[in-house]
Amino acid sequence: MASWLRRQRPRVEAPTLTPRDTAVAALRVDLGELAPPSDVFLGHCAALHLTFIEQLTEAMSNAPRVADKDSLAHVAGIVFERYRALAAELERLHLDKTDVMQPHLEGVEEFKRRTMGGEWYEQVASAHVTIGFLTDFWIALSVGLVGEPGDRVAQALAKGDPHAPLHRIVERAIAANPKLSSRLALWCRRLLGDTMLQARSALVQHDDRSKDEAQIEPVFTELIAEHTRRMDRLGLTA
C-alpha cells in the first residue's frame, strides 16, 4: 500500500490559450485564399470605416458628458487615421476612391442602420462590438493583398486602441446603472450576427463550398472567441 501511494501520478498539462499574435497570424493564413482583389478589398474596407466614423460621430453628439464626447472623438480620430491609410493605399495603386467605394456603400449603410442602436448606450456598445470584430477580420483577410500592400494595411488597421475608451464608457455606464448589463448583453448578442454577416460578405466564395467553410469556420471561431473576451471584460455574456 505504501509503495502504491508513493507512485507518481501522470503529469497532466494544463490547457493554454493560443498567444494573441500567433492566433492572428494563423487567421491571416487561413483566410488568404478567400480574399477579394485589392480594389474590392480596399473599397469595401474603406467604405466600412466611413460608416464607423459616422456611427461614432452620432454617438458623440448624443453623449451626456463632455468626458464621453472627448473619448468618442479620440476613437473617431483613430478610425479616421485608419481610413486615411486605406485611401493612401488606393492612391499607391492608382485607384479612384469614389469608383472603388461606391459599390459597397449600400451594403455598409444597411449594416450601419441595423447596428446603430436606439439609444446612446447601445450606440457605444455597437461601436465597441463592430469595430472590434471587423478590425480583427480585415487584418486576418489582409494576407490576400500580396506583398507590401497586405503588410501596410494590416499595420494601419492595428494602429491605435479604440477599444479601451469604448470599454471605459460602457463599464462606467453599467456601474452607474447595473440594469443596463442584461439589456446591453442582449443587444451585443444581436449585433454579433449582423457583424458576422458583414464580414462574410467580403469573402470570395468558390465552387467547393465545403472547402471554403473548412477555412472559414476556424477563423470565425477565433474571431468570436476574441469578441467574447472583450464582452467578458465588461461582465457581458457574449
C-alpha atoms as a PDB file:
ATOM      1  CA  MET A   1       0.000   0.000   0.000  1.00  0.00           C
ATOM      2  CA  ALA A   2       2.783   2.438   0.939  1.00  0.00           C
ATOM      3  CA  SER A   3       4.642   1.803  -2.313  1.00  0.00           C
ATOM      4  CA  TRP A   4       1.431   2.394  -4.249  1.00  0.00           C
ATOM      5  CA  LEU A   5       0.921   5.752  -2.548  1.00  0.00           C
ATOM      6  CA  ARG A   6       4.475   6.780  -3.435  1.00  0.00           C
ATOM      7  CA  ARG A   7       3.871   6.239  -7.129  1.00  0.00           C
ATOM      8  CA  GLN A   8       3.808   9.474  -9.067  1.00  0.00           C
ATOM      9  CA  ARG A   9       0.626  10.331 -10.811  1.00  0.00           C
ATOM     10  CA  PRO A  10       0.892  11.012 -14.530  1.00  0.00           C
ATOM     11  CA  ARG A  11       1.508  14.675 -15.178  1.00  0.00           C
ATOM     12  CA  VAL A  12      -1.396  16.440 -16.865  1.00  0.00           C
ATOM     13  CA  GLU A  13      -0.568  19.570 -18.842  1.00  0.00           C
ATOM     14  CA  ALA A  14      -2.863  22.475 -18.132  1.00  0.00           C
ATOM     15  CA  PRO A  15      -4.646  23.853 -21.166  1.00  0.00           C
ATOM     16  CA  THR A  16      -3.218  27.091 -22.528  1.00  0.00           C
ATOM     17  CA  LEU A  17      -4.613  29.790 -24.767  1.00  0.00           C
ATOM     18  CA  THR A  18      -3.014  30.445 -28.123  1.00  0.00           C
ATOM     19  CA  PRO A  19      -0.912  33.625 -27.892  1.00  0.00           C
ATOM     20  CA  ARG A  20      -2.722  36.582 -29.488  1.00  0.00           C
ATOM     21  CA  ASP A  21      -0.004  37.281 -32.117  1.00  0.00           C
ATOM     22  CA  THR A  22       0.146  33.603 -33.094  1.00  0.00           C
ATOM     23  CA  ALA A  23      -3.635  33.373 -33.382  1.00  0.00           C
ATOM     24  CA  VAL A  24      -3.830  36.451 -35.627  1.00  0.00           C
ATOM     25  CA  ALA A  25      -1.055  35.117 -37.867  1.00  0.00           C
ATOM     26  CA  ALA A  26      -2.870  31.797 -38.224  1.00  0.00           C
ATOM     27  CA  LEU A  27      -6.123  33.554 -39.087  1.00  0.00           C
ATOM     28  CA  ARG A  28      -4.460  35.576 -41.815  1.00  0.00           C
ATOM     29  CA  VAL A  29      -3.022  32.449 -43.431  1.00  0.00           C
ATOM     30  CA  ASP A  30      -6.339  30.586 -43.251  1.00  0.00           C
ATOM     31  CA  LEU A  31      -8.332  33.394 -44.889  1.00  0.00           C
ATOM     32  CA  GLY A  32      -5.858  34.274 -47.635  1.00  0.00           C
ATOM     33  CA  GLU A  33      -7.460  32.191 -50.379  1.00  0.00           C
ATOM     34  CA  LEU A  34     -10.857  33.796 -49.748  1.00  0.00           C
ATOM     35  CA  ALA A  35      -9.688  37.404 -50.027  1.00  0.00           C
ATOM     36  CA  PRO A  36     -11.113  39.571 -52.834  1.00  0.00           C
ATOM     37  CA  PRO A  37      -8.940  41.514 -55.318  1.00  0.00           C
ATOM     38  CA  SER A  38      -7.137  44.565 -53.947  1.00  0.00           C
ATOM     39  CA  ASP A  39      -9.584  47.123 -55.348  1.00  0.00           C
ATOM     40  CA  VAL A  40     -12.593  45.292 -53.878  1.00  0.00           C
ATOM     41  CA  PHE A  41     -10.833  44.719 -50.538  1.00  0.00           C
ATOM     42  CA  LEU A  42      -9.775  48.339 -50.123  1.00  0.00           C
ATOM     43  CA  GLY A  43     -13.042  49.781 -51.407  1.00  0.00           C
ATOM     44  CA  HIS A  44     -15.146  47.705 -49.017  1.00  0.00           C
ATOM     45  CA  CYS A  45     -12.887  48.232 -46.015  1.00  0.00           C
ATOM     46  CA  ALA A  46     -12.614  51.994 -46.619  1.00  0.00           C
ATOM     47  CA  ALA A  47     -16.388  52.367 -47.054  1.00  0.00           C
ATOM     48  CA  LEU A  48     -16.924  50.495 -43.815  1.00  0.00           C
ATOM     49  CA  HIS A  49     -14.549  52.810 -41.981  1.00  0.00           C
ATOM     50  CA  LEU A  50     -16.565  55.808 -43.160  1.00  0.00           C
ATOM     51  CA  THR A  51     -19.655  54.279 -41.553  1.00  0.00           C
ATOM     52  CA  PHE A  52     -17.679  53.707 -38.350  1.00  0.00           C
ATOM     53  CA  ILE A  53     -16.812  57.412 -38.317  1.00  0.00           C
ATOM     54  CA  GLU A  54     -20.478  58.335 -38.876  1.00  0.00           C
ATOM     55  CA  GLN A  55     -21.521  55.949 -36.100  1.00  0.00           C
ATOM     56  CA  LEU A  56     -19.016  57.447 -33.666  1.00  0.00           C
ATOM     57  CA  THR A  57     -19.972  60.999 -34.617  1.00  0.00           C
ATOM     58  CA  GLU A  58     -23.625  60.214 -33.910  1.00  0.00           C
ATOM     59  CA  ALA A  59     -22.729  58.690 -30.541  1.00  0.00           C
ATOM     60  CA  MET A  60     -20.513  61.680 -29.740  1.00  0.00           C
ATOM     61  CA  SER A  61     -23.362  64.123 -30.458  1.00  0.00           C
ATOM     62  CA  ASN A  62     -25.642  62.186 -28.078  1.00  0.00           C
ATOM     63  CA  ALA A  63     -23.103  61.748 -25.273  1.00  0.00           C
ATOM     64  CA  PRO A  64     -24.335  63.137 -21.932  1.00  0.00           C
ATOM     65  CA  ARG A  65     -20.889  64.105 -20.600  1.00  0.00           C
ATOM     66  CA  VAL A  66     -18.017  66.128 -22.025  1.00  0.00           C
ATOM     67  CA  ALA A  67     -15.614  63.373 -20.987  1.00  0.00           C
ATOM     68  CA  ASP A  68     -17.577  60.862 -23.078  1.00  0.00           C
ATOM     69  CA  LYS A  69     -17.627  63.193 -26.068  1.00  0.00           C
ATOM     70  CA  ASP A  70     -13.873  63.559 -25.744  1.00  0.00           C
ATOM     71  CA  SER A  71     -13.343  59.784 -25.573  1.00  0.00           C
ATOM     72  CA  LEU A  72     -15.528  59.174 -28.617  1.00  0.00           C
ATOM     73  CA  ALA A  73     -13.717  61.921 -30.526  1.00  0.00           C
ATOM     74  CA  HIS A  74     -10.453  60.150 -29.724  1.00  0.00           C
ATOM     75  CA  VAL A  75     -11.813  56.855 -31.066  1.00  0.00           C
ATOM     76  CA  ALA A  76     -13.141  58.589 -34.187  1.00  0.00           C
ATOM     77  CA  GLY A  77      -9.673  60.040 -34.735  1.00  0.00           C
ATOM     78  CA  ILE A  78      -8.116  56.556 -34.628  1.00  0.00           C
ATOM     79  CA  VAL A  79     -10.658  55.227 -37.126  1.00  0.00           C
ATOM     80  CA  PHE A  80     -10.143  58.257 -39.387  1.00  0.00           C
ATOM     81  CA  GLU A  81      -6.378  57.661 -39.457  1.00  0.00           C
ATOM     82  CA  ARG A  82      -7.042  54.059 -40.482  1.00  0.00           C
ATOM     83  CA  TYR A  83      -9.329  55.322 -43.242  1.00  0.00           C
ATOM     84  CA  ARG A  84      -6.620  57.710 -44.444  1.00  0.00           C
ATOM     85  CA  ALA A  85      -4.159  54.828 -44.596  1.00  0.00           C
ATOM     86  CA  LEU A  86      -6.589  52.808 -46.725  1.00  0.00           C
ATOM     87  CA  ALA A  87      -7.111  55.826 -49.005  1.00  0.00           C
ATOM     88  CA  ALA A  88      -3.348  56.224 -49.336  1.00  0.00           C
ATOM     89  CA  GLU A  89      -3.086  52.584 -50.412  1.00  0.00           C
ATOM     90  CA  LEU A  90      -5.697  53.230 -53.087  1.00  0.00           C
ATOM     91  CA  GLU A  91      -3.602  56.136 -54.340  1.00  0.00           C
ATOM     92  CA  ARG A  92      -0.500  53.934 -54.489  1.00  0.00           C
ATOM     93  CA  LEU A  93      -2.445  51.527 -56.695  1.00  0.00           C
ATOM     94  CA  HIS A  94      -3.757  54.418 -58.841  1.00  0.00           C
ATOM     95  CA  LEU A  95      -7.351  53.569 -57.944  1.00  0.00           C
ATOM     96  CA  ASP A  96     -10.089  56.182 -57.678  1.00  0.00           C
ATOM     97  CA  LYS A  97     -11.612  56.232 -54.185  1.00  0.00           C
ATOM     98  CA  THR A  98     -15.095  57.034 -55.383  1.00  0.00           C
ATOM     99  CA  ASP A  99     -15.113  54.299 -58.009  1.00  0.00           C
ATOM    100  CA  VAL A 100     -13.986  51.521 -55.676  1.00  0.00           C
ATOM    101  CA  MET A 101     -16.028  52.572 -52.626  1.00  0.00           C
ATOM    102  CA  GLN A 102     -19.339  53.330 -54.332  1.00  0.00           C
ATOM    103  CA  PRO A 103     -20.348  49.681 -54.972  1.00  0.00           C
ATOM    104  CA  HIS A 104     -20.105  48.963 -51.237  1.00  0.00           C
ATOM    105  CA  LEU A 105     -21.967  51.984 -49.852  1.00  0.00           C
ATOM    106  CA  GLU A 106     -25.445  50.484 -49.990  1.00  0.00           C
ATOM    107  CA  GLY A 107     -24.356  47.367 -48.114  1.00  0.00           C
ATOM    108  CA  VAL A 108     -22.413  49.172 -45.405  1.00  0.00           C
ATOM    109  CA  GLU A 109     -25.173  51.773 -44.962  1.00  0.00           C
ATOM    110  CA  GLU A 110     -27.665  48.979 -44.368  1.00  0.00           C
ATOM    111  CA  PHE A 111     -25.216  47.416 -41.901  1.00  0.00           C
ATOM    112  CA  LYS A 112     -24.925  50.754 -40.087  1.00  0.00           C
ATOM    113  CA  ARG A 113     -28.728  51.099 -39.969  1.00  0.00           C
ATOM    114  CA  ARG A 114     -29.122  47.646 -38.433  1.00  0.00           C
ATOM    115  CA  THR A 115     -26.394  48.132 -35.836  1.00  0.00           C
ATOM    116  CA  MET A 116     -26.668  51.819 -34.882  1.00  0.00           C
ATOM    117  CA  GLY A 117     -28.748  51.280 -31.754  1.00  0.00           C
ATOM    118  CA  GLY A 118     -31.814  53.097 -30.481  1.00  0.00           C
ATOM    119  CA  GLU A 119     -30.189  54.868 -27.542  1.00  0.00           C
ATOM    120  CA  TRP A 120     -26.769  56.216 -26.663  1.00  0.00           C
ATOM    121  CA  TYR A 121     -25.613  53.232 -24.597  1.00  0.00           C
ATOM    122  CA  GLU A 122     -26.453  50.893 -27.467  1.00  0.00           C
ATOM    123  CA  GLN A 123     -24.618  53.177 -29.906  1.00  0.00           C
ATOM    124  CA  VAL A 124     -21.421  52.992 -27.882  1.00  0.00           C
ATOM    125  CA  ALA A 125     -21.734  49.229 -27.353  1.00  0.00           C
ATOM    126  CA  SER A 126     -22.349  48.833 -31.084  1.00  0.00           C
ATOM    127  CA  ALA A 127     -19.158  50.707 -31.927  1.00  0.00           C
ATOM    128  CA  HIS A 128     -17.245  48.530 -29.471  1.00  0.00           C
ATOM    129  CA  VAL A 129     -18.570  45.281 -30.975  1.00  0.00           C
ATOM    130  CA  THR A 130     -18.500  46.116 -34.677  1.00  0.00           C
ATOM    131  CA  ILE A 131     -15.173  47.933 -34.797  1.00  0.00           C
ATOM    132  CA  GLY A 132     -13.514  45.262 -32.662  1.00  0.00           C
ATOM    133  CA  PHE A 133     -14.785  42.238 -34.584  1.00  0.00           C
ATOM    134  CA  LEU A 134     -14.404  43.701 -38.066  1.00  0.00           C
ATOM    135  CA  THR A 135     -10.929  45.110 -37.415  1.00  0.00           C
ATOM    136  CA  ASP A 136      -9.775  41.631 -36.406  1.00  0.00           C
ATOM    137  CA  PHE A 137     -11.475  40.240 -39.512  1.00  0.00           C
ATOM    138  CA  TRP A 138      -9.948  42.685 -42.010  1.00  0.00           C
ATOM    139  CA  ILE A 139      -6.478  42.208 -40.523  1.00  0.00           C
ATOM    140  CA  ALA A 140      -6.925  38.462 -40.949  1.00  0.00           C
ATOM    141  CA  LEU A 141      -8.076  38.952 -44.545  1.00  0.00           C
ATOM    142  CA  SER A 142      -5.272  41.366 -45.462  1.00  0.00           C
ATOM    143  CA  VAL A 143      -2.911  38.498 -46.278  1.00  0.00           C
ATOM    144  CA  GLY A 144      -4.847  38.312 -49.546  1.00  0.00           C
ATOM    145  CA  LEU A 145      -3.187  41.595 -50.528  1.00  0.00           C
ATOM    146  CA  VAL A 146       0.033  40.039 -51.691  1.00  0.00           C
ATOM    147  CA  GLY A 147       3.316  41.586 -50.572  1.00  0.00           C
ATOM    148  CA  GLU A 148       3.792  45.032 -49.085  1.00  0.00           C
ATOM    149  CA  PRO A 149       0.189  46.269 -49.522  1.00  0.00           C
ATOM    150  CA  GLY A 150      -1.046  43.498 -47.249  1.00  0.00           C
ATOM    151  CA  ASP A 151       1.542  44.286 -44.604  1.00  0.00           C
ATOM    152  CA  ARG A 152       0.835  48.017 -44.758  1.00  0.00           C
ATOM    153  CA  VAL A 153      -2.909  47.525 -44.456  1.00  0.00           C
ATOM    154  CA  ALA A 154      -2.535  45.120 -41.525  1.00  0.00           C
ATOM    155  CA  GLN A 155      -0.238  47.572 -39.728  1.00  0.00           C
ATOM    156  CA  ALA A 156      -2.573  50.502 -40.420  1.00  0.00           C
ATOM    157  CA  LEU A 157      -5.626  48.665 -39.085  1.00  0.00           C
ATOM    158  CA  ALA A 158      -3.731  47.678 -35.930  1.00  0.00           C
ATOM    159  CA  LYS A 159      -2.699  51.259 -35.093  1.00  0.00           C
ATOM    160  CA  GLY A 160      -4.219  52.878 -32.043  1.00  0.00           C
ATOM    161  CA  ASP A 161      -6.502  51.377 -29.425  1.00  0.00           C
ATOM    162  CA  PRO A 162     -10.170  52.268 -29.935  1.00  0.00           C
ATOM    163  CA  HIS A 163     -11.311  49.515 -27.580  1.00  0.00           C
ATOM    164  CA  ALA A 164     -10.083  50.916 -24.271  1.00  0.00           C
ATOM    165  CA  PRO A 165     -12.045  54.218 -24.412  1.00  0.00           C
ATOM    166  CA  LEU A 166     -15.221  52.438 -25.553  1.00  0.00           C
ATOM    167  CA  HIS A 167     -14.759  49.818 -22.837  1.00  0.00           C
ATOM    168  CA  ARG A 168     -14.431  52.504 -20.161  1.00  0.00           C
ATOM    169  CA  ILE A 169     -17.588  54.297 -21.290  1.00  0.00           C
ATOM    170  CA  VAL A 170     -19.696  51.118 -21.238  1.00  0.00           C
ATOM    171  CA  GLU A 171     -18.132  49.937 -17.974  1.00  0.00           C
ATOM    172  CA  ARG A 172     -18.882  53.251 -16.268  1.00  0.00           C
ATOM    173  CA  ALA A 173     -22.462  53.257 -17.581  1.00  0.00           C
ATOM    174  CA  ILE A 174     -23.091  49.749 -16.214  1.00  0.00           C
ATOM    175  CA  ALA A 175     -21.560  50.678 -12.858  1.00  0.00           C
ATOM    176  CA  ALA A 176     -23.906  53.665 -12.621  1.00  0.00           C
ATOM    177  CA  ASN A 177     -26.932  51.619 -13.729  1.00  0.00           C
ATOM    178  CA  PRO A 178     -26.455  47.850 -13.253  1.00  0.00           C
ATOM    179  CA  LYS A 179     -29.788  47.185 -15.002  1.00  0.00           C
ATOM    180  CA  LEU A 180     -28.064  48.128 -18.259  1.00  0.00           C
ATOM    181  CA  SER A 181     -25.956  44.974 -18.095  1.00  0.00           C
ATOM    182  CA  SER A 182     -28.600  42.477 -19.181  1.00  0.00           C
ATOM    183  CA  ARG A 183     -30.019  44.816 -21.825  1.00  0.00           C
ATOM    184  CA  LEU A 184     -26.639  45.514 -23.372  1.00  0.00           C
ATOM    185  CA  ALA A 185     -25.727  41.816 -23.259  1.00  0.00           C
ATOM    186  CA  LEU A 186     -28.806  41.026 -25.376  1.00  0.00           C
ATOM    187  CA  TRP A 187     -28.041  43.897 -27.747  1.00  0.00           C
ATOM    188  CA  CYS A 188     -24.432  42.786 -28.229  1.00  0.00           C
ATOM    189  CA  ARG A 189     -25.531  39.226 -28.978  1.00  0.00           C
ATOM    190  CA  ARG A 190     -27.822  40.543 -31.698  1.00  0.00           C
ATOM    191  CA  LEU A 191     -25.025  42.726 -33.064  1.00  0.00           C
ATOM    192  CA  LEU A 192     -22.718  39.756 -33.468  1.00  0.00           C
ATOM    193  CA  GLY A 193     -24.961  38.086 -36.051  1.00  0.00           C
ATOM    194  CA  ASP A 194     -25.163  41.165 -38.283  1.00  0.00           C
ATOM    195  CA  THR A 195     -21.449  41.788 -37.869  1.00  0.00           C
ATOM    196  CA  MET A 196     -20.556  38.251 -38.908  1.00  0.00           C
ATOM    197  CA  LEU A 197     -22.764  38.585 -41.998  1.00  0.00           C
ATOM    198  CA  GLN A 198     -20.978  41.815 -42.894  1.00  0.00           C
ATOM    199  CA  ALA A 199     -17.627  40.057 -42.602  1.00  0.00           C
ATOM    200  CA  ARG A 200     -18.724  37.073 -44.676  1.00  0.00           C
ATOM    201  CA  SER A 201     -19.957  39.406 -47.423  1.00  0.00           C
ATOM    202  CA  ALA A 202     -16.330  40.376 -48.060  1.00  0.00           C
ATOM    203  CA  LEU A 203     -15.187  36.810 -48.748  1.00  0.00           C
ATOM    204  CA  VAL A 204     -14.831  35.334 -52.226  1.00  0.00           C
ATOM    205  CA  GLN A 205     -16.741  32.052 -52.330  1.00  0.00           C
ATOM    206  CA  HIS A 206     -15.587  29.244 -54.630  1.00  0.00           C
ATOM    207  CA  ASP A 207     -17.365  26.294 -56.249  1.00  0.00           C
ATOM    208  CA  ASP A 208     -16.170  23.980 -53.496  1.00  0.00           C
ATOM    209  CA  ARG A 209     -18.252  25.364 -50.637  1.00  0.00           C
ATOM    210  CA  SER A 210     -17.198  22.616 -48.249  1.00  0.00           C
ATOM    211  CA  LYS A 211     -13.553  23.616 -48.670  1.00  0.00           C
ATOM    212  CA  ASP A 212     -14.437  27.284 -48.159  1.00  0.00           C
ATOM    213  CA  GLU A 213     -16.365  26.516 -44.987  1.00  0.00           C
ATOM    214  CA  ALA A 214     -13.498  24.399 -43.687  1.00  0.00           C
ATOM    215  CA  GLN A 215     -11.308  27.511 -43.907  1.00  0.00           C
ATOM    216  CA  ILE A 216     -13.920  29.952 -42.661  1.00  0.00           C
ATOM    217  CA  GLU A 217     -15.151  28.051 -39.603  1.00  0.00           C
ATOM    218  CA  PRO A 218     -11.940  28.014 -37.518  1.00  0.00           C
ATOM    219  CA  VAL A 219     -11.240  31.643 -38.363  1.00  0.00           C
ATOM    220  CA  PHE A 220     -14.667  32.796 -37.266  1.00  0.00           C
ATOM    221  CA  THR A 221     -14.397  30.632 -34.164  1.00  0.00           C
ATOM    222  CA  GLU A 222     -11.299  32.579 -33.138  1.00  0.00           C
ATOM    223  CA  LEU A 223     -12.867  35.923 -34.080  1.00  0.00           C
ATOM    224  CA  ILE A 224     -15.871  35.076 -31.899  1.00  0.00           C
ATOM    225  CA  ALA A 225     -13.544  34.000 -29.083  1.00  0.00           C
ATOM    226  CA  GLU A 226     -11.789  37.367 -29.158  1.00  0.00           C
ATOM    227  CA  HIS A 227     -15.163  39.142 -29.212  1.00  0.00           C
ATOM    228  CA  THR A 228     -16.233  37.023 -26.217  1.00  0.00           C
ATOM    229  CA  ARG A 229     -13.113  38.050 -24.317  1.00  0.00           C
ATOM    230  CA  ARG A 230     -13.969  41.721 -24.901  1.00  0.00           C
ATOM    231  CA  MET A 231     -17.514  41.165 -23.656  1.00  0.00           C
ATOM    232  CA  ASP A 232     -16.341  39.147 -20.651  1.00  0.00           C
ATOM    233  CA  ARG A 233     -14.133  42.028 -19.579  1.00  0.00           C
ATOM    234  CA  LEU A 234     -17.305  44.123 -19.402  1.00  0.00           C
ATOM    235  CA  GLY A 235     -19.193  41.449 -17.498  1.00  0.00           C
ATOM    236  CA  LEU A 236     -21.470  40.892 -20.501  1.00  0.00           C
ATOM    237  CA  THR A 237     -22.176  37.352 -21.638  1.00  0.00           C
ATOM    238  CA  ALA A 238     -21.400  37.252 -25.374  1.00  0.00           C
END
